[in-house]
Amino acid sequence: MTSKATTIRTSSMIMAVAAFAATVPAPAQNSDLQQRFAAVKQSVAANQQQLRQYQWLETTQLTLKGEAKPAKQSLCQYGPDGTVQKTPIGPPQEPPSGRRMKQRLIAKKTEEMQQYMGQVKSLLGMYVPPDSEKMAQAYRAGKVSLNPAGATVNLVFRDYAQPGDQMTLSFDTAARKISSVNVSTYMDNPKDGVTLTVQMASLPDGTNYAQQTVLDATAKKIQVTTTNSNYQKRGPY
């Protein structure tokens, strides 16, 4: 009987402790994370709406094995579906000259590079600009951490767009804007590691935009620098 009574009292104590623990407020860091995340998410969502009013010039510079290729430019704007539409500008690419075998080899390498650049653009679109809904999904999954750094706080997102990736947003608490984005991710294969470094800037009306993005694909010895400039407001769709 004594043993049974002891067991009952022990179980009651465990239940009481569990009930008390449920009423204890979350640690201060969790509360701070919640507040900071809410501010960043709100800023990103509002800024995304502002960006849709603009068209801009995108300049892409590819460096392959240390050799800079001719830069390419596109006129960009958001379409009605919310995706960025890009119209190439500048002179058309000249066809390769020389013997037929050489032409085929150059054409093949050009096609492979174009395919890879298409993958690069798709990858960039997954992270730049940051997506408030993807951020919310990571937050709900408990995959966001906070790293304060003076007037700037760093929010670290794990598994943001792909399993195993990591995106760090540096948020200026005074200006309430993202100042930079750093991403560690990959192309099709996790072994094909890619890093993104994004420097943000602001337009006169306060709209935040990705001024320059540098993508490094170390395995393929490729670096892609994308610079956005000449932002102008446009009319309705």
C-alpha atoms as a PDB file:
ATOM      1  CA  MET A   1       0.000   0.000   0.000  1.00  0.00           C
ATOM      2  CA  THR A   2       2.810   2.342   0.916  1.00  0.00           C
ATOM      3  CA  SER A   3       4.498   1.713  -2.412  1.00  0.00           C
ATOM      4  CA  LYS A   4       1.253   2.339  -4.278  1.00  0.00           C
ATOM      5  CA  ALA A   5       0.597   5.560  -2.386  1.00  0.00           C
ATOM      6  CA  THR A   6       4.137   6.728  -3.080  1.00  0.00           C
ATOM      7  CA  THR A   7       3.665   6.025  -6.780  1.00  0.00           C
ATOM      8  CA  ILE A   8       0.410   8.008  -6.819  1.00  0.00           C
ATOM      9  CA  ARG A   9       2.041  10.954  -5.029  1.00  0.00           C
ATOM     10  CA  THR A  10       5.005  10.856  -7.433  1.00  0.00           C
ATOM     11  CA  SER A  11       2.718  10.830 -10.453  1.00  0.00           C
ATOM     12  CA  SER A  12       0.738  13.731  -9.016  1.00  0.00           C
ATOM     13  CA  MET A  13       3.912  15.732  -8.469  1.00  0.00           C
ATOM     14  CA  ILE A  14       5.066  15.068 -12.059  1.00  0.00           C
ATOM     15  CA  MET A  15       1.705  16.232 -13.414  1.00  0.00           C
ATOM     16  CA  ALA A  16       1.821  19.337 -11.249  1.00  0.00           C
ATOM     17  CA  VAL A  17       5.326  20.197 -12.422  1.00  0.00           C
ATOM     18  CA  ALA A  18       4.291  19.691 -16.043  1.00  0.00           C
ATOM     19  CA  ALA A  19       1.237  21.901 -15.574  1.00  0.00           C
ATOM     20  CA  PHE A  20       3.359  24.598 -13.946  1.00  0.00           C
ATOM     21  CA  ALA A  21       5.945  24.425 -16.730  1.00  0.00           C
ATOM     22  CA  ALA A  22       3.225  24.969 -19.299  1.00  0.00           C
ATOM     23  CA  THR A  23       2.304  28.251 -17.630  1.00  0.00           C
ATOM     24  CA  VAL A  24       5.882  29.569 -17.433  1.00  0.00           C
ATOM     25  CA  PRO A  25       6.559  32.274 -20.055  1.00  0.00           C
ATOM     26  CA  ALA A  26       8.940  31.411 -22.897  1.00  0.00           C
ATOM     27  CA  PRO A  27      12.551  32.511 -22.439  1.00  0.00           C
ATOM     28  CA  ALA A  28      13.321  36.124 -23.230  1.00  0.00           C
ATOM     29  CA  GLN A  29      15.246  35.090 -26.332  1.00  0.00           C
ATOM     30  CA  ASN A  30      12.178  33.348 -27.776  1.00  0.00           C
ATOM     31  CA  SER A  31      10.097  36.457 -27.124  1.00  0.00           C
ATOM     32  CA  ASP A  32      12.769  38.627 -28.739  1.00  0.00           C
ATOM     33  CA  LEU A  33      12.941  36.267 -31.721  1.00  0.00           C
ATOM     34  CA  GLN A  34       9.182  36.492 -32.156  1.00  0.00           C
ATOM     35  CA  GLN A  35       9.267  40.289 -32.133  1.00  0.00           C
ATOM     36  CA  ARG A  36      12.242  40.541 -34.464  1.00  0.00           C
ATOM     37  CA  PHE A  37      10.822  37.993 -36.867  1.00  0.00           C
ATOM     38  CA  ALA A  38       7.475  39.809 -36.983  1.00  0.00           C
ATOM     39  CA  ALA A  39       9.265  43.092 -37.795  1.00  0.00           C
ATOM     40  CA  VAL A  40      11.359  41.497 -40.559  1.00  0.00           C
ATOM     41  CA  LYS A  41       8.391  39.660 -42.079  1.00  0.00           C
ATOM     42  CA  GLN A  42       6.303  42.836 -42.107  1.00  0.00           C
ATOM     43  CA  SER A  43       9.153  44.817 -43.684  1.00  0.00           C
ATOM     44  CA  VAL A  44       9.720  42.185 -46.393  1.00  0.00           C
ATOM     45  CA  ALA A  45       6.014  41.943 -47.284  1.00  0.00           C
ATOM     46  CA  ALA A  46       5.552  45.733 -47.486  1.00  0.00           C
ATOM     47  CA  ASN A  47       8.739  46.187 -49.483  1.00  0.00           C
ATOM     48  CA  GLN A  48       7.714  43.505 -51.968  1.00  0.00           C
ATOM     49  CA  GLN A  49       4.577  45.489 -52.787  1.00  0.00           C
ATOM     50  CA  GLN A  50       6.635  48.653 -53.306  1.00  0.00           C
ATOM     51  CA  LEU A  51       9.062  46.891 -55.653  1.00  0.00           C
ATOM     52  CA  ARG A  52       6.221  45.902 -57.965  1.00  0.00           C
ATOM     53  CA  GLN A  53       5.805  49.567 -58.914  1.00  0.00           C
ATOM     54  CA  TYR A  54       9.226  49.639 -60.548  1.00  0.00           C
ATOM     55  CA  GLN A  55      11.119  48.511 -63.585  1.00  0.00           C
ATOM     56  CA  TRP A  56      14.901  48.319 -63.519  1.00  0.00           C
ATOM     57  CA  LEU A  57      18.046  47.359 -65.376  1.00  0.00           C
ATOM     58  CA  GLU A  58      19.770  44.089 -64.484  1.00  0.00           C
ATOM     59  CA  THR A  59      23.406  43.608 -65.483  1.00  0.00           C
ATOM     60  CA  THR A  60      24.862  40.106 -65.222  1.00  0.00           C
ATOM     61  CA  GLN A  61      28.612  39.513 -65.310  1.00  0.00           C
ATOM     62  CA  LEU A  62      29.886  35.940 -65.563  1.00  0.00           C
ATOM     63  CA  THR A  63      33.442  34.993 -64.636  1.00  0.00           C
ATOM     64  CA  LEU A  64      34.523  31.456 -65.621  1.00  0.00           C
ATOM     65  CA  LYS A  65      37.828  30.150 -64.276  1.00  0.00           C
ATOM     66  CA  GLY A  66      38.953  33.717 -63.671  1.00  0.00           C
ATOM     67  CA  GLU A  67      38.023  34.911 -67.181  1.00  0.00           C
ATOM     68  CA  ALA A  68      35.321  37.578 -67.408  1.00  0.00           C
ATOM     69  CA  LYS A  69      32.711  36.998 -70.115  1.00  0.00           C
ATOM     70  CA  PRO A  70      30.756  39.792 -71.862  1.00  0.00           C
ATOM     71  CA  ALA A  71      28.142  41.287 -69.555  1.00  0.00           C
ATOM     72  CA  LYS A  72      24.460  40.840 -70.369  1.00  0.00           C
ATOM     73  CA  GLN A  73      21.625  43.228 -69.552  1.00  0.00           C
ATOM     74  CA  SER A  74      17.889  42.796 -69.153  1.00  0.00           C
ATOM     75  CA  LEU A  75      15.006  45.141 -68.473  1.00  0.00           C
ATOM     76  CA  CYS A  76      13.085  43.742 -65.494  1.00  0.00           C
ATOM     77  CA  GLN A  77       9.648  44.273 -64.012  1.00  0.00           C
ATOM     78  CA  TYR A  78       7.057  42.307 -62.073  1.00  0.00           C
ATOM     79  CA  GLY A  79       4.257  40.734 -64.054  1.00  0.00           C
ATOM     80  CA  PRO A  80       0.606  40.438 -62.950  1.00  0.00           C
ATOM     81  CA  ASP A  81       1.354  36.995 -61.467  1.00  0.00           C
ATOM     82  CA  GLY A  82       4.053  38.421 -59.183  1.00  0.00           C
ATOM     83  CA  THR A  83       7.034  36.926 -61.009  1.00  0.00           C
ATOM     84  CA  VAL A  84       9.868  38.997 -62.461  1.00  0.00           C
ATOM     85  CA  GLN A  85       9.737  39.316 -66.243  1.00  0.00           C
ATOM     86  CA  LYS A  86      13.084  39.917 -67.975  1.00  0.00           C
ATOM     87  CA  THR A  87      13.559  41.302 -71.476  1.00  0.00           C
ATOM     88  CA  PRO A  88      17.130  41.003 -72.849  1.00  0.00           C
ATOM     89  CA  ILE A  89      18.536  44.223 -74.270  1.00  0.00           C
ATOM     90  CA  GLY A  90      21.645  44.942 -76.321  1.00  0.00           C
ATOM     91  CA  PRO A  91      23.009  43.500 -79.566  1.00  0.00           C
ATOM     92  CA  PRO A  92      22.230  39.831 -80.335  1.00  0.00           C
ATOM     93  CA  GLN A  93      24.985  37.292 -79.766  1.00  0.00           C
ATOM     94  CA  GLU A  94      27.072  36.686 -82.845  1.00  0.00           C
ATOM     95  CA  PRO A  95      27.249  33.104 -84.158  1.00  0.00           C
ATOM     96  CA  PRO A  96      30.599  31.375 -83.739  1.00  0.00           C
ATOM     97  CA  SER A  97      32.991  31.608 -86.671  1.00  0.00           C
ATOM     98  CA  GLY A  98      35.595  29.136 -87.891  1.00  0.00           C
ATOM     99  CA  ARG A  99      35.515  25.524 -88.970  1.00  0.00           C
ATOM    100  CA  ARG A 100      32.383  23.418 -88.578  1.00  0.00           C
ATOM    101  CA  MET A 101      33.809  21.221 -85.788  1.00  0.00           C
ATOM    102  CA  LYS A 102      34.929  24.266 -83.838  1.00  0.00           C
ATOM    103  CA  GLN A 103      31.524  25.874 -84.360  1.00  0.00           C
ATOM    104  CA  ARG A 104      29.791  22.803 -82.969  1.00  0.00           C
ATOM    105  CA  LEU A 105      32.092  22.692 -79.950  1.00  0.00           C
ATOM    106  CA  ILE A 106      31.553  26.380 -79.201  1.00  0.00           C
ATOM    107  CA  ALA A 107      27.802  26.042 -79.722  1.00  0.00           C
ATOM    108  CA  LYS A 108      27.669  23.076 -77.343  1.00  0.00           C
ATOM    109  CA  LYS A 109      29.626  24.878 -74.629  1.00  0.00           C
ATOM    110  CA  THR A 110      27.468  27.977 -75.113  1.00  0.00           C
ATOM    111  CA  GLU A 111      24.284  25.919 -74.764  1.00  0.00           C
ATOM    112  CA  GLU A 112      25.576  24.218 -71.598  1.00  0.00           C
ATOM    113  CA  MET A 113      26.503  27.568 -70.099  1.00  0.00           C
ATOM    114  CA  GLN A 114      23.104  29.029 -70.986  1.00  0.00           C
ATOM    115  CA  GLN A 115      21.397  26.098 -69.291  1.00  0.00           C
ATOM    116  CA  TYR A 116      23.554  26.551 -66.211  1.00  0.00           C
ATOM    117  CA  MET A 117      22.855  30.282 -66.150  1.00  0.00           C
ATOM    118  CA  GLY A 118      19.159  29.492 -66.355  1.00  0.00           C
ATOM    119  CA  GLN A 119      19.564  27.337 -63.237  1.00  0.00           C
ATOM    120  CA  VAL A 120      21.503  30.151 -61.572  1.00  0.00           C
ATOM    121  CA  LYS A 121      18.680  32.627 -62.240  1.00  0.00           C
ATOM    122  CA  SER A 122      16.125  30.171 -60.843  1.00  0.00           C
ATOM    123  CA  LEU A 123      18.268  29.688 -57.760  1.00  0.00           C
ATOM    124  CA  LEU A 124      18.630  33.431 -57.246  1.00  0.00           C
ATOM    125  CA  GLY A 125      14.871  33.812 -57.523  1.00  0.00           C
ATOM    126  CA  MET A 126      14.410  31.444 -54.575  1.00  0.00           C
ATOM    127  CA  TYR A 127      16.272  33.793 -52.235  1.00  0.00           C
ATOM    128  CA  VAL A 128      16.247  37.285 -53.757  1.00  0.00           C
ATOM    129  CA  PRO A 129      14.183  39.061 -52.710  1.00  0.00           C
ATOM    130  CA  PRO A 130      13.368  37.098 -49.524  1.00  0.00           C
ATOM    131  CA  ASP A 131       9.858  35.658 -49.490  1.00  0.00           C
ATOM    132  CA  SER A 132       7.721  36.407 -46.435  1.00  0.00           C
ATOM    133  CA  GLU A 133       5.712  33.161 -46.754  1.00  0.00           C
ATOM    134  CA  LYS A 134       8.826  30.955 -46.939  1.00  0.00           C
ATOM    135  CA  MET A 135      10.160  32.831 -43.919  1.00  0.00           C
ATOM    136  CA  ALA A 136       6.925  32.124 -42.055  1.00  0.00           C
ATOM    137  CA  GLN A 137       7.099  28.416 -42.926  1.00  0.00           C
ATOM    138  CA  ALA A 138      10.631  28.180 -41.548  1.00  0.00           C
ATOM    139  CA  TYR A 139       9.584  30.042 -38.413  1.00  0.00           C
ATOM    140  CA  ARG A 140       6.603  27.750 -37.795  1.00  0.00           C
ATOM    141  CA  ALA A 141       8.928  24.759 -38.220  1.00  0.00           C
ATOM    142  CA  GLY A 142      11.239  26.128 -35.522  1.00  0.00           C
ATOM    143  CA  LYS A 143      14.077  26.655 -37.984  1.00  0.00           C
ATOM    144  CA  VAL A 144      14.817  30.313 -37.279  1.00  0.00           C
ATOM    145  CA  SER A 145      17.368  31.577 -34.780  1.00  0.00           C
ATOM    146  CA  LEU A 146      18.376  35.055 -33.644  1.00  0.00           C
ATOM    147  CA  ASN A 147      21.878  36.459 -33.448  1.00  0.00           C
ATOM    148  CA  PRO A 148      21.903  40.092 -32.213  1.00  0.00           C
ATOM    149  CA  ALA A 149      24.853  42.242 -33.313  1.00  0.00           C
ATOM    150  CA  GLY A 150      24.467  45.756 -31.934  1.00  0.00           C
ATOM    151  CA  ALA A 151      22.050  47.860 -33.999  1.00  0.00           C
ATOM    152  CA  THR A 152      21.732  44.934 -36.411  1.00  0.00           C
ATOM    153  CA  VAL A 153      20.107  41.583 -35.752  1.00  0.00           C
ATOM    154  CA  ASN A 154      20.827  38.483 -37.807  1.00  0.00           C
ATOM    155  CA  LEU A 155      17.989  36.056 -38.404  1.00  0.00           C
ATOM    156  CA  VAL A 156      19.248  32.664 -39.505  1.00  0.00           C
ATOM    157  CA  PHE A 157      16.840  30.490 -41.524  1.00  0.00           C
ATOM    158  CA  ARG A 158      17.570  26.780 -42.007  1.00  0.00           C
ATOM    159  CA  ASP A 159      15.932  24.712 -44.760  1.00  0.00           C
ATOM    160  CA  TYR A 160      14.488  27.956 -46.134  1.00  0.00           C
ATOM    161  CA  ALA A 161      14.134  27.025 -49.814  1.00  0.00           C
ATOM    162  CA  GLN A 162      15.938  23.670 -49.989  1.00  0.00           C
ATOM    163  CA  PRO A 163      16.761  20.996 -47.409  1.00  0.00           C
ATOM    164  CA  GLY A 164      20.122  21.775 -45.854  1.00  0.00           C
ATOM    165  CA  ASP A 165      20.398  25.396 -47.009  1.00  0.00           C
ATOM    166  CA  GLN A 166      20.893  28.393 -44.729  1.00  0.00           C
ATOM    167  CA  MET A 167      19.931  32.025 -45.239  1.00  0.00           C
ATOM    168  CA  THR A 168      21.013  34.830 -42.914  1.00  0.00           C
ATOM    169  CA  LEU A 169      19.189  38.166 -43.032  1.00  0.00           C
ATOM    170  CA  SER A 170      20.922  41.156 -41.453  1.00  0.00           C
ATOM    171  CA  PHE A 171      18.183  43.543 -40.303  1.00  0.00           C
ATOM    172  CA  ASP A 172      18.820  47.188 -39.406  1.00  0.00           C
ATOM    173  CA  THR A 173      16.502  47.702 -36.437  1.00  0.00           C
ATOM    174  CA  ALA A 174      16.624  51.513 -36.653  1.00  0.00           C
ATOM    175  CA  ALA A 175      15.834  51.749 -40.365  1.00  0.00           C
ATOM    176  CA  ARG A 176      13.654  48.606 -40.176  1.00  0.00           C
ATOM    177  CA  LYS A 177      15.211  47.300 -43.380  1.00  0.00           C
ATOM    178  CA  ILE A 178      17.297  44.339 -44.484  1.00  0.00           C
ATOM    179  CA  SER A 179      20.875  45.483 -45.050  1.00  0.00           C
ATOM    180  CA  SER A 180      22.349  42.260 -46.443  1.00  0.00           C
ATOM    181  CA  VAL A 181      21.568  38.613 -47.177  1.00  0.00           C
ATOM    182  CA  ASN A 182      23.989  35.693 -47.069  1.00  0.00           C
ATOM    183  CA  VAL A 183      23.023  32.253 -48.352  1.00  0.00           C
ATOM    184  CA  SER A 184      24.698  28.862 -48.327  1.00  0.00           C
ATOM    185  CA  THR A 185      22.882  26.532 -50.711  1.00  0.00           C
ATOM    186  CA  TYR A 186      23.443  24.307 -53.783  1.00  0.00           C
ATOM    187  CA  MET A 187      22.297  23.664 -57.333  1.00  0.00           C
ATOM    188  CA  ASP A 188      20.784  20.255 -58.198  1.00  0.00           C
ATOM    189  CA  ASN A 189      23.256  18.301 -56.073  1.00  0.00           C
ATOM    190  CA  PRO A 190      24.151  19.229 -52.470  1.00  0.00           C
ATOM    191  CA  LYS A 191      27.779  18.587 -53.445  1.00  0.00           C
ATOM    192  CA  ASP A 192      27.514  21.477 -55.923  1.00  0.00           C
ATOM    193  CA  GLY A 193      27.728  24.074 -53.174  1.00  0.00           C
ATOM    194  CA  VAL A 194      26.836  27.682 -53.914  1.00  0.00           C
ATOM    195  CA  THR A 195      27.110  30.829 -51.812  1.00  0.00           C
ATOM    196  CA  LEU A 196      25.167  34.047 -52.334  1.00  0.00           C
ATOM    197  CA  THR A 197      26.124  37.444 -50.973  1.00  0.00           C
ATOM    198  CA  VAL A 198      23.496  40.139 -51.405  1.00  0.00           C
ATOM    199  CA  GLN A 199      24.051  43.810 -50.649  1.00  0.00           C
ATOM    200  CA  MET A 200      20.845  45.795 -50.217  1.00  0.00           C
ATOM    201  CA  ALA A 201      20.265  49.498 -50.894  1.00  0.00           C
ATOM    202  CA  SER A 202      17.336  51.926 -50.755  1.00  0.00           C
ATOM    203  CA  LEU A 203      15.625  54.097 -53.355  1.00  0.00           C
ATOM    204  CA  PRO A 204      14.678  57.732 -52.567  1.00  0.00           C
ATOM    205  CA  ASP A 205      11.168  56.678 -51.464  1.00  0.00           C
ATOM    206  CA  GLY A 206      12.624  54.122 -49.042  1.00  0.00           C
ATOM    207  CA  THR A 207      12.017  51.027 -51.158  1.00  0.00           C
ATOM    208  CA  ASN A 208      14.668  48.408 -50.418  1.00  0.00           C
ATOM    209  CA  TYR A 209      16.235  46.436 -53.271  1.00  0.00           C
ATOM    210  CA  ALA A 210      19.056  44.011 -53.995  1.00  0.00           C
ATOM    211  CA  GLN A 211      21.750  46.315 -55.354  1.00  0.00           C
ATOM    212  CA  GLN A 212      24.300  43.595 -56.021  1.00  0.00           C
ATOM    213  CA  THR A 213      24.313  39.817 -55.742  1.00  0.00           C
ATOM    214  CA  VAL A 214      27.459  37.724 -56.016  1.00  0.00           C
ATOM    215  CA  LEU A 215      27.024  33.982 -56.601  1.00  0.00           C
ATOM    216  CA  ASP A 216      30.037  31.717 -56.169  1.00  0.00           C
ATOM    217  CA  ALA A 217      29.886  28.158 -57.513  1.00  0.00           C
ATOM    218  CA  THR A 218      33.294  26.957 -56.376  1.00  0.00           C
ATOM    219  CA  ALA A 219      33.074  23.456 -57.848  1.00  0.00           C
ATOM    220  CA  LYS A 220      32.511  24.830 -61.340  1.00  0.00           C
ATOM    221  CA  LYS A 221      34.839  27.827 -60.833  1.00  0.00           C
ATOM    222  CA  ILE A 222      32.011  30.182 -61.739  1.00  0.00           C
ATOM    223  CA  GLN A 223      31.176  33.553 -60.248  1.00  0.00           C
ATOM    224  CA  VAL A 224      28.074  35.484 -61.291  1.00  0.00           C
ATOM    225  CA  THR A 225      27.682  39.113 -60.280  1.00  0.00           C
ATOM    226  CA  THR A 226      24.234  40.637 -60.754  1.00  0.00           C
ATOM    227  CA  THR A 227      23.818  44.389 -60.383  1.00  0.00           C
ATOM    228  CA  ASN A 228      20.417  46.108 -60.368  1.00  0.00           C
ATOM    229  CA  SER A 229      20.189  49.792 -61.238  1.00  0.00           C
ATOM    230  CA  ASN A 230      18.176  52.556 -62.951  1.00  0.00           C
ATOM    231  CA  TYR A 231      14.947  51.928 -61.024  1.00  0.00           C
ATOM    232  CA  GLN A 232      11.981  53.813 -62.462  1.00  0.00           C
ATOM    233  CA  LYS A 233       8.332  53.763 -61.537  1.00  0.00           C
ATOM    234  CA  ARG A 234       6.073  52.455 -64.240  1.00  0.00           C
ATOM    235  CA  GLY A 235       2.392  52.694 -65.026  1.00  0.00           C
ATOM    236  CA  PRO A 236      -0.294  50.109 -64.140  1.00  0.00           C
ATOM    237  CA  TYR A 237      -0.488  46.763 -65.917  1.00  0.00           C
END
